[in-house]
Amino acid sequence: DANSHLDVKYHHRRFSSRLDEFMRISHAVVVTPGGIGTLL
């Protein structure tokens, strides 16, 4: 489940649509430490 600190929550079944939504609704990207998912 998602964490409990969200004002707006969108659900995705596939990483592909989720990645596209990140790009669509964001004006900037900050990458912090992470593994395979963050590298993707």
Full PDB file with SEQRES, HELIX, SHEET, SSBOND, CRYST1, ORIGX, SCALE, CONECT and MASTER records, all heavy atoms in Angstrom:
SEQRES   1 A   40  ASP ALA ASN SER HIS LEU ASP VAL LYS TYR HIS HIS ARG          
SEQRES   2 A   40  ARG PHE SER SER ARG LEU ASP GLU PHE MET ARG ILE SER          
SEQRES   3 A   40  HIS ALA VAL VAL VAL THR PRO GLY GLY ILE GLY THR LEU          
SEQRES   4 A   40  LEU                                                          
HELIX    1 AA1 PHE A   15  ILE A   25  1                                  11    
HELIX    2 AA2 ILE A   36  LEU A   39  1                                   4    
CRYST1    1.000    1.000    1.000  90.00  90.00  90.00 P 1           1          
ORIGX1      1.000000  0.000000  0.000000        0.00000                         
ORIGX2      0.000000  1.000000  0.000000        0.00000                         
ORIGX3      0.000000  0.000000  1.000000        0.00000                         
SCALE1      1.000000  0.000000  0.000000        0.00000                         
SCALE2      0.000000  1.000000  0.000000        0.00000                         
SCALE3      0.000000  0.000000  1.000000        0.00000                         
ATOM      1  N   ASP A   1       0.840  -1.193   0.000  1.00  0.00           N  
ATOM      2  CA  ASP A   1       0.000   0.000   0.000  1.00  0.00           C  
ATOM      3  C   ASP A   1       0.874   1.240   0.000  1.00  0.00           C  
ATOM      4  O   ASP A   1       2.055   1.202   0.352  1.00  0.00           O  
ATOM      5  CB  ASP A   1      -0.910   0.000   1.229  1.00  0.00           C  
ATOM      6  CG  ASP A   1      -2.087   0.954   1.051  1.00  0.00           C  
ATOM      7  OD1 ASP A   1      -2.253   1.480  -0.067  1.00  0.00           O  
ATOM      8  OD2 ASP A   1      -2.820   1.179   2.030  1.00  0.00           O  
ATOM      9  N   ALA A   2       0.278   2.354  -0.388  1.00  0.00           N  
ATOM     10  CA  ALA A   2       1.000   3.621  -0.400  1.00  0.00           C  
ATOM     11  C   ALA A   2       1.208   4.123   1.023  1.00  0.00           C  
ATOM     12  O   ALA A   2       0.520   3.711   1.963  1.00  0.00           O  
ATOM     13  CB  ALA A   2       0.209   4.637  -1.216  1.00  0.00           C  
ATOM     14  N   ASN A   3       2.176   5.023   1.186  1.00  0.00           N  
ATOM     15  CA  ASN A   3       2.359   5.612   2.508  1.00  0.00           C  
ATOM     16  C   ASN A   3       1.192   6.552   2.828  1.00  0.00           C  
ATOM     17  O   ASN A   3       0.402   6.898   1.949  1.00  0.00           O  
ATOM     18  CB  ASN A   3       3.724   6.313   2.614  1.00  0.00           C  
ATOM     19  CG  ASN A   3       3.821   7.569   1.756  1.00  0.00           C  
ATOM     20  OD1 ASN A   3       3.097   8.543   1.960  1.00  0.00           O  
ATOM     21  ND2 ASN A   3       4.744   7.562   0.789  1.00  0.00           N  
ATOM     22  N   SER A   4       1.111   6.963   4.073  1.00  0.00           N  
ATOM     23  CA  SER A   4      -0.070   7.699   4.551  1.00  0.00           C  
ATOM     24  C   SER A   4       0.115   9.215   4.515  1.00  0.00           C  
ATOM     25  O   SER A   4      -0.606   9.937   5.209  1.00  0.00           O  
ATOM     26  CB  SER A   4      -0.401   7.262   5.983  1.00  0.00           C  
ATOM     27  OG  SER A   4       0.692   7.525   6.852  1.00  0.00           O  
ATOM     28  N   HIS A   5       1.039   9.701   3.705  1.00  0.00           N  
ATOM     29  CA  HIS A   5       1.349  11.138   3.709  1.00  0.00           C  
ATOM     30  C   HIS A   5       1.095  11.768   2.337  1.00  0.00           C  
ATOM     31  O   HIS A   5       1.853  12.639   1.895  1.00  0.00           O  
ATOM     32  CB  HIS A   5       2.811  11.346   4.130  1.00  0.00           C  
ATOM     33  CG  HIS A   5       3.161  10.668   5.418  1.00  0.00           C  
ATOM     34  ND1 HIS A   5       2.836  11.190   6.652  1.00  0.00           N  
ATOM     35  CD2 HIS A   5       3.767   9.477   5.653  1.00  0.00           C  
ATOM     36  CE1 HIS A   5       3.247  10.367   7.601  1.00  0.00           C  
ATOM     37  NE2 HIS A   5       3.823   9.332   7.023  1.00  0.00           N  
ATOM     38  N   LEU A   6       0.028  11.331   1.692  1.00  0.00           N  
ATOM     39  CA  LEU A   6      -0.271  11.773   0.335  1.00  0.00           C  
ATOM     40  C   LEU A   6      -1.547  12.604   0.298  1.00  0.00           C  
ATOM     41  O   LEU A   6      -2.543  12.263   0.937  1.00  0.00           O  
ATOM     42  CB  LEU A   6      -0.435  10.564  -0.595  1.00  0.00           C  
ATOM     43  CG  LEU A   6       0.728   9.568  -0.641  1.00  0.00           C  
ATOM     44  CD1 LEU A   6       0.358   8.378  -1.515  1.00  0.00           C  
ATOM     45  CD2 LEU A   6       1.997  10.234  -1.146  1.00  0.00           C  
ATOM     46  N   ASP A   7      -1.506  13.687  -0.462  1.00  0.00           N  
ATOM     47  CA  ASP A   7      -2.709  14.452  -0.750  1.00  0.00           C  
ATOM     48  C   ASP A   7      -3.399  13.929  -2.003  1.00  0.00           C  
ATOM     49  O   ASP A   7      -4.623  13.969  -2.113  1.00  0.00           O  
ATOM     50  CB  ASP A   7      -2.368  15.940  -0.955  1.00  0.00           C  
ATOM     51  CG  ASP A   7      -1.792  16.577   0.291  1.00  0.00           C  
ATOM     52  OD1 ASP A   7      -2.391  16.411   1.363  1.00  0.00           O  
ATOM     53  OD2 ASP A   7      -0.734  17.228   0.193  1.00  0.00           O  
ATOM     54  N   VAL A   8      -2.587  13.457  -2.942  1.00  0.00           N  
ATOM     55  CA  VAL A   8      -3.094  12.955  -4.212  1.00  0.00           C  
ATOM     56  C   VAL A   8      -2.420  11.615  -4.484  1.00  0.00           C  
ATOM     57  O   VAL A   8      -1.196  11.505  -4.404  1.00  0.00           O  
ATOM     58  CB  VAL A   8      -2.800  13.920  -5.380  1.00  0.00           C  
ATOM     59  CG1 VAL A   8      -3.399  13.381  -6.674  1.00  0.00           C  
ATOM     60  CG2 VAL A   8      -3.340  15.315  -5.075  1.00  0.00           C  
ATOM     61  N   LYS A   9      -3.223  10.601  -4.794  1.00  0.00           N  
ATOM     62  CA  LYS A   9      -2.663   9.276  -5.066  1.00  0.00           C  
ATOM     63  C   LYS A   9      -3.200   8.750  -6.386  1.00  0.00           C  
ATOM     64  O   LYS A   9      -4.400   8.747  -6.626  1.00  0.00           O  
ATOM     65  CB  LYS A   9      -3.023   8.297  -3.937  1.00  0.00           C  
ATOM     66  CG  LYS A   9      -2.477   6.884  -4.156  1.00  0.00           C  
ATOM     67  CD  LYS A   9      -2.632   6.023  -2.915  1.00  0.00           C  
ATOM     68  CE  LYS A   9      -4.077   5.669  -2.630  1.00  0.00           C  
ATOM     69  NZ  LYS A   9      -4.215   4.698  -1.520  1.00  0.00           N  
ATOM     70  N   TYR A  10      -2.293   8.314  -7.254  1.00  0.00           N  
ATOM     71  CA  TYR A  10      -2.647   7.656  -8.513  1.00  0.00           C  
ATOM     72  C   TYR A  10      -2.109   6.236  -8.476  1.00  0.00           C  
ATOM     73  O   TYR A  10      -0.984   5.997  -8.040  1.00  0.00           O  
ATOM     74  CB  TYR A  10      -2.051   8.400  -9.714  1.00  0.00           C  
ATOM     75  CG  TYR A  10      -2.543   9.802  -9.895  1.00  0.00           C  
ATOM     76  CD1 TYR A  10      -1.648  10.855 -10.081  1.00  0.00           C  
ATOM     77  CD2 TYR A  10      -3.904  10.098  -9.879  1.00  0.00           C  
ATOM     78  CE1 TYR A  10      -2.095  12.157 -10.257  1.00  0.00           C  
ATOM     79  CE2 TYR A  10      -4.355  11.395 -10.057  1.00  0.00           C  
ATOM     80  CZ  TYR A  10      -3.451  12.417 -10.244  1.00  0.00           C  
ATOM     81  OH  TYR A  10      -3.908  13.706 -10.410  1.00  0.00           O  
ATOM     82  N   HIS A  11      -2.932   5.310  -8.955  1.00  0.00           N  
ATOM     83  CA  HIS A  11      -2.518   3.909  -8.942  1.00  0.00           C  
ATOM     84  C   HIS A  11      -2.139   3.462 -10.349  1.00  0.00           C  
ATOM     85  O   HIS A  11      -2.828   3.780 -11.326  1.00  0.00           O  
ATOM     86  CB  HIS A  11      -3.650   3.021  -8.415  1.00  0.00           C  
ATOM     87  CG  HIS A  11      -3.321   1.570  -8.462  1.00  0.00           C  
ATOM     88  ND1 HIS A  11      -2.445   0.979  -7.568  1.00  0.00           N  
ATOM     89  CD2 HIS A  11      -3.721   0.587  -9.309  1.00  0.00           C  
ATOM     90  CE1 HIS A  11      -2.345  -0.308  -7.862  1.00  0.00           C  
ATOM     91  NE2 HIS A  11      -3.095  -0.569  -8.911  1.00  0.00           N  
ATOM     92  N   HIS A  12      -1.036   2.715 -10.443  1.00  0.00           N  
ATOM     93  CA  HIS A  12      -0.588   2.163 -11.721  1.00  0.00           C  
ATOM     94  C   HIS A  12      -0.352   0.666 -11.590  1.00  0.00           C  
ATOM     95  O   HIS A  12       0.165   0.200 -10.571  1.00  0.00           O  
ATOM     96  CB  HIS A  12       0.704   2.851 -12.185  1.00  0.00           C  
ATOM     97  CG  HIS A  12       0.504   4.257 -12.638  1.00  0.00           C  
ATOM     98  ND1 HIS A  12       0.283   4.589 -13.954  1.00  0.00           N  
ATOM     99  CD2 HIS A  12       0.470   5.423 -11.946  1.00  0.00           C  
ATOM    100  CE1 HIS A  12       0.128   5.897 -14.056  1.00  0.00           C  
ATOM    101  NE2 HIS A  12       0.231   6.427 -12.853  1.00  0.00           N  
ATOM    102  N   ARG A  13      -0.729  -0.054 -12.636  1.00  0.00           N  
ATOM    103  CA  ARG A  13      -0.489  -1.492 -12.668  1.00  0.00           C  
ATOM    104  C   ARG A  13       0.837  -1.835 -13.332  1.00  0.00           C  
ATOM    105  O   ARG A  13       1.379  -2.908 -13.117  1.00  0.00           O  
ATOM    106  CB  ARG A  13      -1.635  -2.190 -13.414  1.00  0.00           C  
ATOM    107  CG  ARG A  13      -2.986  -2.078 -12.712  1.00  0.00           C  
ATOM    108  CD  ARG A  13      -4.096  -2.680 -13.553  1.00  0.00           C  
ATOM    109  NE  ARG A  13      -3.853  -4.079 -13.843  1.00  0.00           N  
ATOM    110  CZ  ARG A  13      -4.595  -4.808 -14.677  1.00  0.00           C  
ATOM    111  NH1 ARG A  13      -5.610  -4.245 -15.311  1.00  0.00           N  
ATOM    112  NH2 ARG A  13      -4.320  -6.073 -14.876  1.00  0.00           N  
ATOM    113  N   ARG A  14       1.353  -0.918 -14.146  1.00  0.00           N  
ATOM    114  CA  ARG A  14       2.585  -1.178 -14.882  1.00  0.00           C  
ATOM    115  C   ARG A  14       3.580  -0.036 -14.671  1.00  0.00           C  
ATOM    116  O   ARG A  14       3.196   1.136 -14.554  1.00  0.00           O  
ATOM    117  CB  ARG A  14       2.289  -1.333 -16.378  1.00  0.00           C  
ATOM    118  CG  ARG A  14       1.320  -2.454 -16.704  1.00  0.00           C  
ATOM    119  CD  ARG A  14       0.994  -2.479 -18.187  1.00  0.00           C  
ATOM    120  NE  ARG A  14       2.167  -2.834 -18.976  1.00  0.00           N  
ATOM    121  CZ  ARG A  14       2.505  -4.079 -19.274  1.00  0.00           C  
ATOM    122  NH1 ARG A  14       1.772  -5.087 -18.842  1.00  0.00           N  
ATOM    123  NH2 ARG A  14       3.578  -4.333 -20.001  1.00  0.00           N  
ATOM    124  N   PHE A  15       4.854  -0.412 -14.644  1.00  0.00           N  
ATOM    125  CA  PHE A  15       5.893   0.594 -14.482  1.00  0.00           C  
ATOM    126  C   PHE A  15       5.917   1.563 -15.656  1.00  0.00           C  
ATOM    127  O   PHE A  15       6.237   2.745 -15.493  1.00  0.00           O  
ATOM    128  CB  PHE A  15       7.267  -0.074 -14.349  1.00  0.00           C  
ATOM    129  CG  PHE A  15       7.553  -0.595 -12.968  1.00  0.00           C  
ATOM    130  CD1 PHE A  15       7.457  -1.944 -12.684  1.00  0.00           C  
ATOM    131  CD2 PHE A  15       7.912   0.277 -11.953  1.00  0.00           C  
ATOM    132  CE1 PHE A  15       7.723  -2.418 -11.414  1.00  0.00           C  
ATOM    133  CE2 PHE A  15       8.179  -0.182 -10.673  1.00  0.00           C  
ATOM    134  CZ  PHE A  15       8.081  -1.541 -10.396  1.00  0.00           C  
ATOM    135  N   SER A  16       5.599   1.087 -16.851  1.00  0.00           N  
ATOM    136  CA  SER A  16       5.677   1.935 -18.037  1.00  0.00           C  
ATOM    137  C   SER A  16       4.738   3.139 -17.934  1.00  0.00           C  
ATOM    138  O   SER A  16       5.138   4.282 -18.184  1.00  0.00           O  
ATOM    139  CB  SER A  16       5.373   1.127 -19.303  1.00  0.00           C  
ATOM    140  OG  SER A  16       4.116   0.466 -19.188  1.00  0.00           O  
ATOM    141  N   SER A  17       3.479   2.902 -17.546  1.00  0.00           N  
ATOM    142  CA  SER A  17       2.540   4.024 -17.438  1.00  0.00           C  
ATOM    143  C   SER A  17       2.909   4.933 -16.271  1.00  0.00           C  
ATOM    144  O   SER A  17       2.745   6.158 -16.337  1.00  0.00           O  
ATOM    145  CB  SER A  17       1.108   3.500 -17.273  1.00  0.00           C  
ATOM    146  OG  SER A  17       0.952   2.824 -16.033  1.00  0.00           O  
ATOM    147  N   ARG A  18       3.440   4.340 -15.225  1.00  0.00           N  
ATOM    148  CA  ARG A  18       3.855   5.125 -14.059  1.00  0.00           C  
ATOM    149  C   ARG A  18       5.012   6.065 -14.420  1.00  0.00           C  
ATOM    150  O   ARG A  18       5.001   7.243 -14.060  1.00  0.00           O  
ATOM    151  CB  ARG A  18       4.267   4.170 -12.948  1.00  0.00           C  
ATOM    152  CG  ARG A  18       4.620   4.819 -11.616  1.00  0.00           C  
ATOM    153  CD  ARG A  18       5.348   3.804 -10.785  1.00  0.00           C  
ATOM    154  NE  ARG A  18       5.351   4.103  -9.365  1.00  0.00           N  
ATOM    155  CZ  ARG A  18       6.256   3.595  -8.527  1.00  0.00           C  
ATOM    156  NH1 ARG A  18       7.193   2.783  -8.992  1.00  0.00           N  
ATOM    157  NH2 ARG A  18       6.218   3.882  -7.239  1.00  0.00           N  
ATOM    158  N   LEU A  19       5.991   5.552 -15.142  1.00  0.00           N  
ATOM    159  CA  LEU A  19       7.122   6.382 -15.551  1.00  0.00           C  
ATOM    160  C   LEU A  19       6.663   7.547 -16.425  1.00  0.00           C  
ATOM    161  O   LEU A  19       7.133   8.675 -16.277  1.00  0.00           O  
ATOM    162  CB  LEU A  19       8.142   5.523 -16.297  1.00  0.00           C  
ATOM    163  CG  LEU A  19       8.958   4.553 -15.433  1.00  0.00           C  
ATOM    164  CD1 LEU A  19       9.673   3.537 -16.319  1.00  0.00           C  
ATOM    165  CD2 LEU A  19       9.968   5.304 -14.577  1.00  0.00           C  
ATOM    166  N   ASP A  20       5.740   7.256 -17.340  1.00  0.00           N  
ATOM    167  CA  ASP A  20       5.243   8.315 -18.211  1.00  0.00           C  
ATOM    168  C   ASP A  20       4.498   9.381 -17.412  1.00  0.00           C  
ATOM    169  O   ASP A  20       4.586  10.575 -17.736  1.00  0.00           O  
ATOM    170  CB  ASP A  20       4.329   7.732 -19.292  1.00  0.00           C  
ATOM    171  CG  ASP A  20       5.113   7.020 -20.382  1.00  0.00           C  
ATOM    172  OD1 ASP A  20       6.293   7.373 -20.589  1.00  0.00           O  
ATOM    173  OD2 ASP A  20       4.561   6.106 -21.021  1.00  0.00           O  
ATOM    174  N   GLU A  21       3.779   8.969 -16.371  1.00  0.00           N  
ATOM    175  CA  GLU A  21       3.066   9.979 -15.581  1.00  0.00           C  
ATOM    176  C   GLU A  21       4.035  10.839 -14.777  1.00  0.00           C  
ATOM    177  O   GLU A  21       3.828  12.048 -14.638  1.00  0.00           O  
ATOM    178  CB  GLU A  21       2.041   9.335 -14.656  1.00  0.00           C  
ATOM    179  CG  GLU A  21       1.242  10.382 -13.892  1.00  0.00           C  
ATOM    180  CD  GLU A  21      -0.140   9.914 -13.478  1.00  0.00           C  
ATOM    181  OE1 GLU A  21      -0.378   8.688 -13.415  1.00  0.00           O  
ATOM    182  OE2 GLU A  21      -0.979  10.795 -13.216  1.00  0.00           O  
ATOM    183  N   PHE A  22       5.098  10.233 -14.255  1.00  0.00           N  
ATOM    184  CA  PHE A  22       6.135  11.043 -13.602  1.00  0.00           C  
ATOM    185  C   PHE A  22       6.607  12.159 -14.539  1.00  0.00           C  
ATOM    186  O   PHE A  22       6.736  13.314 -14.134  1.00  0.00           O  
ATOM    187  CB  PHE A  22       7.336  10.172 -13.231  1.00  0.00           C  
ATOM    188  CG  PHE A  22       7.214   9.450 -11.924  1.00  0.00           C  
ATOM    189  CD1 PHE A  22       7.351   8.069 -11.856  1.00  0.00           C  
ATOM    190  CD2 PHE A  22       6.992  10.140 -10.745  1.00  0.00           C  
ATOM    191  CE1 PHE A  22       7.253   7.393 -10.653  1.00  0.00           C  
ATOM    192  CE2 PHE A  22       6.894   9.484  -9.526  1.00  0.00           C  
ATOM    193  CZ  PHE A  22       7.027   8.099  -9.485  1.00  0.00           C  
ATOM    194  N   MET A  23       6.883  11.778 -15.778  1.00  0.00           N  
ATOM    195  CA  MET A  23       7.396  12.757 -16.740  1.00  0.00           C  
ATOM    196  C   MET A  23       6.339  13.798 -17.092  1.00  0.00           C  
ATOM    197  O   MET A  23       6.639  14.975 -17.261  1.00  0.00           O  
ATOM    198  CB  MET A  23       7.854  12.048 -18.017  1.00  0.00           C  
ATOM    199  CG  MET A  23       8.985  11.044 -17.823  1.00  0.00           C  
ATOM    200  SD  MET A  23      10.497  11.770 -17.131  1.00  0.00           S  
ATOM    201  CE  MET A  23      10.407  11.236 -15.414  1.00  0.00           C  
ATOM    202  N   ARG A  24       5.091  13.361 -17.190  1.00  0.00           N  
ATOM    203  CA  ARG A  24       4.011  14.247 -17.632  1.00  0.00           C  
ATOM    204  C   ARG A  24       3.700  15.330 -16.604  1.00  0.00           C  
ATOM    205  O   ARG A  24       3.427  16.474 -16.970  1.00  0.00           O  
ATOM    206  CB  ARG A  24       2.754  13.421 -17.917  1.00  0.00           C  
ATOM    207  CG  ARG A  24       1.571  14.258 -18.370  1.00  0.00           C  
ATOM    208  CD  ARG A  24       0.420  13.412 -18.857  1.00  0.00           C  
ATOM    209  NE  ARG A  24      -0.101  12.502 -17.846  1.00  0.00           N  
ATOM    210  CZ  ARG A  24       0.041  11.179 -17.856  1.00  0.00           C  
ATOM    211  NH1 ARG A  24       0.706  10.599 -18.829  1.00  0.00           N  
ATOM    212  NH2 ARG A  24      -0.466  10.439 -16.907  1.00  0.00           N  
ATOM    213  N   ILE A  25       3.726  14.992 -15.325  1.00  0.00           N  
ATOM    214  CA  ILE A  25       3.241  15.945 -14.331  1.00  0.00           C  
ATOM    215  C   ILE A  25       4.356  16.689 -13.616  1.00  0.00           C  
ATOM    216  O   ILE A  25       4.076  17.537 -12.759  1.00  0.00           O  
ATOM    217  CB  ILE A  25       2.326  15.264 -13.294  1.00  0.00           C  
ATOM    218  CG1 ILE A  25       3.115  14.320 -12.380  1.00  0.00           C  
ATOM    219  CG2 ILE A  25       1.192  14.521 -13.981  1.00  0.00           C  
ATOM    220  CD1 ILE A  25       2.278  13.735 -11.254  1.00  0.00           C  
ATOM    221  N   SER A  26       5.622  16.416 -13.963  1.00  0.00           N  
ATOM    222  CA  SER A  26       6.733  17.028 -13.235  1.00  0.00           C  
ATOM    223  C   SER A  26       7.486  18.040 -14.092  1.00  0.00           C  
ATOM    224  O   SER A  26       7.615  17.866 -15.301  1.00  0.00           O  
ATOM    225  CB  SER A  26       7.708  15.953 -12.749  1.00  0.00           C  
ATOM    226  OG  SER A  26       7.058  15.044 -11.884  1.00  0.00           O  
ATOM    227  N   HIS A  27       8.016  19.059 -13.413  1.00  0.00           N  
ATOM    228  CA  HIS A  27       8.825  20.075 -14.078  1.00  0.00           C  
ATOM    229  C   HIS A  27      10.312  19.861 -13.831  1.00  0.00           C  
ATOM    230  O   HIS A  27      11.147  20.486 -14.495  1.00  0.00           O  
ATOM    231  CB  HIS A  27       8.430  21.466 -13.583  1.00  0.00           C  
ATOM    232  CG  HIS A  27       6.995  21.798 -13.824  1.00  0.00           C  
ATOM    233  ND1 HIS A  27       6.004  21.571 -12.880  1.00  0.00           N  
ATOM    234  CD2 HIS A  27       6.361  22.298 -14.916  1.00  0.00           C  
ATOM    235  CE1 HIS A  27       4.842  21.952 -13.373  1.00  0.00           C  
ATOM    236  NE2 HIS A  27       5.020  22.390 -14.598  1.00  0.00           N  
ATOM    237  N   ALA A  28      10.646  19.035 -12.860  1.00  0.00           N  
ATOM    238  CA  ALA A  28      12.044  18.754 -12.540  1.00  0.00           C  
ATOM    239  C   ALA A  28      12.124  17.377 -11.903  1.00  0.00           C  
ATOM    240  O   ALA A  28      11.132  16.855 -11.380  1.00  0.00           O  
ATOM    241  CB  ALA A  28      12.605  19.809 -11.595  1.00  0.00           C  
ATOM    242  N   VAL A  29      13.324  16.802 -11.936  1.00  0.00           N  
ATOM    243  CA  VAL A  29      13.556  15.472 -11.373  1.00  0.00           C  
ATOM    244  C   VAL A  29      14.783  15.517 -10.474  1.00  0.00           C  
ATOM    245  O   VAL A  29      15.831  16.052 -10.860  1.00  0.00           O  
ATOM    246  CB  VAL A  29      13.774  14.430 -12.491  1.00  0.00           C  
ATOM    247  CG1 VAL A  29      14.280  13.107 -11.919  1.00  0.00           C  
ATOM    248  CG2 VAL A  29      12.487  14.208 -13.265  1.00  0.00           C  
ATOM    249  N   VAL A  30      14.644  14.960  -9.271  1.00  0.00           N  
ATOM    250  CA  VAL A  30      15.773  14.804  -8.362  1.00  0.00           C  
ATOM    251  C   VAL A  30      15.899  13.314  -8.039  1.00  0.00           C  
ATOM    252  O   VAL A  30      14.933  12.684  -7.591  1.00  0.00           O  
ATOM    253  CB  VAL A  30      15.577  15.606  -7.059  1.00  0.00           C  
ATOM    254  CG1 VAL A  30      16.755  15.365  -6.118  1.00  0.00           C  
ATOM    255  CG2 VAL A  30      15.422  17.088  -7.359  1.00  0.00           C  
ATOM    256  N   VAL A  31      17.091  12.762  -8.261  1.00  0.00           N  
ATOM    257  CA  VAL A  31      17.338  11.348  -8.004  1.00  0.00           C  
ATOM    258  C   VAL A  31      18.189  11.224  -6.748  1.00  0.00           C  
ATOM    259  O   VAL A  31      19.306  11.761  -6.688  1.00  0.00           O  
ATOM    260  CB  VAL A  31      18.044  10.674  -9.189  1.00  0.00           C  
ATOM    261  CG1 VAL A  31      18.173   9.174  -8.936  1.00  0.00           C  
ATOM    262  CG2 VAL A  31      17.290  10.919 -10.492  1.00  0.00           C  
ATOM    263  N   THR A  32      17.673  10.541  -5.747  1.00  0.00           N  
ATOM    264  CA  THR A  32      18.384  10.314  -4.490  1.00  0.00           C  
ATOM    265  C   THR A  32      18.812   8.848  -4.442  1.00  0.00           C  
ATOM    266  O   THR A  32      18.505   8.084  -5.358  1.00  0.00           O  
ATOM    267  CB  THR A  32      17.474  10.682  -3.304  1.00  0.00           C  
ATOM    268  OG1 THR A  32      16.361   9.773  -3.244  1.00  0.00           O  
ATOM    269  CG2 THR A  32      16.951  12.115  -3.438  1.00  0.00           C  
ATOM    270  N   PRO A  33      19.561   8.421  -3.416  1.00  0.00           N  
ATOM    271  CA  PRO A  33      20.073   7.049  -3.403  1.00  0.00           C  
ATOM    272  C   PRO A  33      18.988   5.993  -3.591  1.00  0.00           C  
ATOM    273  O   PRO A  33      17.898   6.089  -3.030  1.00  0.00           O  
ATOM    274  CB  PRO A  33      20.719   6.943  -2.014  1.00  0.00           C  
ATOM    275  CG  PRO A  33      21.193   8.333  -1.738  1.00  0.00           C  
ATOM    276  CD  PRO A  33      20.106   9.217  -2.297  1.00  0.00           C  
ATOM    277  N   GLY A  34      19.305   4.998  -4.392  1.00  0.00           N  
ATOM    278  CA  GLY A  34      18.345   3.938  -4.657  1.00  0.00           C  
ATOM    279  C   GLY A  34      18.956   2.795  -5.437  1.00  0.00           C  
ATOM    280  O   GLY A  34      20.133   2.845  -5.826  1.00  0.00           O  
ATOM    281  N   GLY A  35      18.143   1.771  -5.692  1.00  0.00           N  
ATOM    282  CA  GLY A  35      18.598   0.575  -6.382  1.00  0.00           C  
ATOM    283  C   GLY A  35      18.081   0.489  -7.805  1.00  0.00           C  
ATOM    284  O   GLY A  35      18.042   1.476  -8.534  1.00  0.00           O  
ATOM    285  N   ILE A  36      17.628  -0.710  -8.187  1.00  0.00           N  
ATOM    286  CA  ILE A  36      17.241  -0.952  -9.573  1.00  0.00           C  
ATOM    287  C   ILE A  36      16.085  -0.061  -9.998  1.00  0.00           C  
ATOM    288  O   ILE A  36      16.089   0.511 -11.093  1.00  0.00           O  
ATOM    289  CB  ILE A  36      16.883  -2.444  -9.773  1.00  0.00           C  
ATOM    290  CG1 ILE A  36      18.134  -3.307  -9.587  1.00  0.00           C  
ATOM    291  CG2 ILE A  36      16.297  -2.673 -11.169  1.00  0.00           C  
ATOM    292  CD1 ILE A  36      17.861  -4.800  -9.639  1.00  0.00           C  
ATOM    293  N   GLY A  37      15.071   0.080  -9.149  1.00  0.00           N  
ATOM    294  CA  GLY A  37      13.928   0.912  -9.510  1.00  0.00           C  
ATOM    295  C   GLY A  37      14.321   2.365  -9.717  1.00  0.00           C  
ATOM    296  O   GLY A  37      13.870   3.025 -10.658  1.00  0.00           O  
ATOM    297  N   THR A  38      15.185   2.868  -8.844  1.00  0.00           N  
ATOM    298  CA  THR A  38      15.643   4.245  -8.971  1.00  0.00           C  
ATOM    299  C   THR A  38      16.508   4.418 -10.216  1.00  0.00           C  
ATOM    300  O   THR A  38      16.423   5.441 -10.910  1.00  0.00           O  
ATOM    301  CB  THR A  38      16.430   4.653  -7.712  1.00  0.00           C  
ATOM    302  OG1 THR A  38      15.603   4.444  -6.558  1.00  0.00           O  
ATOM    303  CG2 THR A  38      16.841   6.124  -7.763  1.00  0.00           C  
ATOM    304  N   LEU A  39      17.335   3.412 -10.514  1.00  0.00           N  
ATOM    305  CA  LEU A  39      18.144   3.457 -11.735  1.00  0.00           C  
ATOM    306  C   LEU A  39      17.254   3.470 -12.982  1.00  0.00           C  
ATOM    307  O   LEU A  39      17.541   4.167 -13.954  1.00  0.00           O  
ATOM    308  CB  LEU A  39      19.096   2.268 -11.784  1.00  0.00           C  
ATOM    309  CG  LEU A  39      20.303   2.357 -10.851  1.00  0.00           C  
ATOM    310  CD1 LEU A  39      20.991   0.993 -10.744  1.00  0.00           C  
ATOM    311  CD2 LEU A  39      21.293   3.395 -11.355  1.00  0.00           C  
ATOM    312  N   LEU A  40      16.173   2.694 -12.930  1.00  0.00           N  
ATOM    313  CA  LEU A  40      15.228   2.702 -14.047  1.00  0.00           C  
ATOM    314  C   LEU A  40      14.679   4.103 -14.263  1.00  0.00           C  
ATOM    315  O   LEU A  40      14.627   4.599 -15.398  1.00  0.00           O  
ATOM    316  CB  LEU A  40      14.085   1.719 -13.773  1.00  0.00           C  
ATOM    317  CG  LEU A  40      12.905   1.737 -14.742  1.00  0.00           C  
ATOM    318  CD1 LEU A  40      13.343   1.263 -16.125  1.00  0.00           C  
ATOM    319  CD2 LEU A  40      11.768   0.855 -14.218  1.00  0.00           C  
TER     320      LEU A  40                                                      
MASTER        0    0    0    2    0    0    0    6  319    1    0    4          
END                                                                             
